[in-house]
């Protein structure tokens, strides 16, 4: 919904900055860069909860600390300890 609201405004603003020919391409590139950043953020920050019960997940988020049972896919574990 945010993209739908921002698209016309951003398109018109970009027409004045980069010209009418490049406005659409630039706008799509900006939105693509935001999507790639969001994907990497989720991949790096959201812990893997596959195979854990809801109670374990709840305890993890309530404690606010990382444990060996819940790991981010980008952070390898060594000897059941999470390397941060």
C-alpha atoms as a PDB file:
ATOM      1  CA  UNK A   1       0.000   0.000   0.000  1.00  0.00           C
ATOM      2  CA  UNK A   2       2.873   2.334   0.746  1.00  0.00           C
ATOM      3  CA  UNK A   3       4.273   1.768  -2.735  1.00  0.00           C
ATOM      4  CA  UNK A   4       0.879   2.562  -4.262  1.00  0.00           C
ATOM      5  CA  UNK A   5       0.713   5.817  -2.323  1.00  0.00           C
ATOM      6  CA  UNK A   6       4.290   6.879  -3.042  1.00  0.00           C
ATOM      7  CA  UNK A   7       4.500   5.829  -6.695  1.00  0.00           C
ATOM      8  CA  UNK A   8       2.713   8.786  -8.361  1.00  0.00           C
ATOM      9  CA  UNK A   9       4.359  11.370  -6.123  1.00  0.00           C
ATOM     10  CA  UNK A  10       7.833   9.884  -6.572  1.00  0.00           C
ATOM     11  CA  UNK A  11       7.342   9.528 -10.336  1.00  0.00           C
ATOM     12  CA  UNK A  12       6.407  13.189 -10.700  1.00  0.00           C
ATOM     13  CA  UNK A  13       9.309  14.288  -8.506  1.00  0.00           C
ATOM     14  CA  UNK A  14      11.781  12.147 -10.455  1.00  0.00           C
ATOM     15  CA  UNK A  15      10.592  13.587 -13.774  1.00  0.00           C
ATOM     16  CA  UNK A  16      12.003  16.946 -12.686  1.00  0.00           C
ATOM     17  CA  UNK A  17      15.265  15.449 -11.408  1.00  0.00           C
ATOM     18  CA  UNK A  18      16.268  12.863 -14.029  1.00  0.00           C
ATOM     19  CA  UNK A  19      13.920  13.706 -16.886  1.00  0.00           C
ATOM     20  CA  UNK A  20      10.821  11.977 -18.153  1.00  0.00           C
ATOM     21  CA  UNK A  21      12.780   9.280 -20.004  1.00  0.00           C
ATOM     22  CA  UNK A  22      14.578   7.927 -16.918  1.00  0.00           C
ATOM     23  CA  UNK A  23      11.961   8.620 -14.230  1.00  0.00           C
ATOM     24  CA  UNK A  24      10.220   5.231 -14.377  1.00  0.00           C
ATOM     25  CA  UNK A  25      13.463   3.246 -14.584  1.00  0.00           C
ATOM     26  CA  UNK A  26      14.957   5.143 -11.660  1.00  0.00           C
ATOM     27  CA  UNK A  27      11.820   4.689  -9.580  1.00  0.00           C
ATOM     28  CA  UNK A  28      11.730   0.935 -10.194  1.00  0.00           C
ATOM     29  CA  UNK A  29      15.447   0.719  -9.335  1.00  0.00           C
ATOM     30  CA  UNK A  30      14.830   2.555  -6.051  1.00  0.00           C
ATOM     31  CA  UNK A  31      11.946   0.253  -5.110  1.00  0.00           C
ATOM     32  CA  UNK A  32      14.025  -2.797  -6.102  1.00  0.00           C
ATOM     33  CA  UNK A  33      16.896  -1.616  -3.891  1.00  0.00           C
ATOM     34  CA  UNK A  34      14.492  -1.162  -0.968  1.00  0.00           C
ATOM     35  CA  UNK A  35      13.130  -4.685  -1.529  1.00  0.00           C
ATOM     36  CA  UNK A  36      16.643  -6.196  -1.605  1.00  0.00           C
ATOM     37  CA  UNK A  37      17.564  -4.343   1.590  1.00  0.00           C
ATOM     38  CA  UNK A  38      14.376  -5.574   3.293  1.00  0.00           C
ATOM     39  CA  UNK A  39      15.096  -9.155   2.235  1.00  0.00           C
ATOM     40  CA  UNK A  40      18.649  -9.009   3.589  1.00  0.00           C
ATOM     41  CA  UNK A  41      17.445  -7.411   6.826  1.00  0.00           C
ATOM     42  CA  UNK A  42      14.940 -10.212   7.404  1.00  0.00           C
ATOM     43  CA  UNK A  43      17.494 -12.858   6.490  1.00  0.00           C
ATOM     44  CA  UNK A  44      20.052 -11.427   8.920  1.00  0.00           C
ATOM     45  CA  UNK A  45      17.826 -10.410  11.834  1.00  0.00           C
ATOM     46  CA  UNK A  46      14.845 -12.757  12.003  1.00  0.00           C
ATOM     47  CA  UNK A  47      15.742 -15.943  13.885  1.00  0.00           C
ATOM     48  CA  UNK A  48      15.019 -19.397  12.460  1.00  0.00           C
ATOM     49  CA  UNK A  49      12.222 -20.991  14.479  1.00  0.00           C
ATOM     50  CA  UNK A  50      11.736 -24.160  12.473  1.00  0.00           C
ATOM     51  CA  UNK A  51      11.178 -27.169  14.744  1.00  0.00           C
ATOM     52  CA  UNK A  52      10.629 -25.121  17.905  1.00  0.00           C
ATOM     53  CA  UNK A  53       7.444 -25.069  19.932  1.00  0.00           C
ATOM     54  CA  UNK A  54       5.515 -21.861  20.472  1.00  0.00           C
ATOM     55  CA  UNK A  55       6.556 -21.898  24.118  1.00  0.00           C
ATOM     56  CA  UNK A  56      10.246 -22.017  23.178  1.00  0.00           C
ATOM     57  CA  UNK A  57       9.810 -19.165  20.727  1.00  0.00           C
ATOM     58  CA  UNK A  58       7.909 -17.148  23.325  1.00  0.00           C
ATOM     59  CA  UNK A  59      10.649 -17.713  25.917  1.00  0.00           C
ATOM     60  CA  UNK A  60      13.273 -16.645  23.387  1.00  0.00           C
ATOM     61  CA  UNK A  61      11.585 -13.344  22.629  1.00  0.00           C
ATOM     62  CA  UNK A  62      10.693 -12.705  26.284  1.00  0.00           C
ATOM     63  CA  UNK A  63      14.289 -13.163  27.433  1.00  0.00           C
ATOM     64  CA  UNK A  64      15.743 -10.860  24.775  1.00  0.00           C
ATOM     65  CA  UNK A  65      18.945 -12.883  24.438  1.00  0.00           C
ATOM     66  CA  UNK A  66      20.200 -15.231  21.745  1.00  0.00           C
ATOM     67  CA  UNK A  67      20.405 -18.922  22.488  1.00  0.00           C
ATOM     68  CA  UNK A  68      21.909 -21.839  20.604  1.00  0.00           C
ATOM     69  CA  UNK A  69      18.444 -23.270  19.858  1.00  0.00           C
ATOM     70  CA  UNK A  70      17.390 -20.315  17.759  1.00  0.00           C
ATOM     71  CA  UNK A  71      19.872 -19.086  15.193  1.00  0.00           C
ATOM     72  CA  UNK A  72      19.942 -16.673  12.341  1.00  0.00           C
ATOM     73  CA  UNK A  73      20.882 -18.378   9.058  1.00  0.00           C
ATOM     74  CA  UNK A  74      23.790 -15.968   8.616  1.00  0.00           C
ATOM     75  CA  UNK A  75      25.321 -16.583  12.046  1.00  0.00           C
ATOM     76  CA  UNK A  76      26.990 -20.001  12.289  1.00  0.00           C
ATOM     77  CA  UNK A  77      26.984 -21.943  15.540  1.00  0.00           C
ATOM     78  CA  UNK A  78      30.121 -23.530  16.947  1.00  0.00           C
ATOM     79  CA  UNK A  79      29.896 -26.305  19.576  1.00  0.00           C
ATOM     80  CA  UNK A  80      26.281 -25.440  20.466  1.00  0.00           C
ATOM     81  CA  UNK A  81      27.232 -21.849  21.201  1.00  0.00           C
ATOM     82  CA  UNK A  82      26.078 -19.023  19.054  1.00  0.00           C
ATOM     83  CA  UNK A  83      28.843 -16.955  17.533  1.00  0.00           C
ATOM     84  CA  UNK A  84      27.734 -13.316  17.432  1.00  0.00           C
END
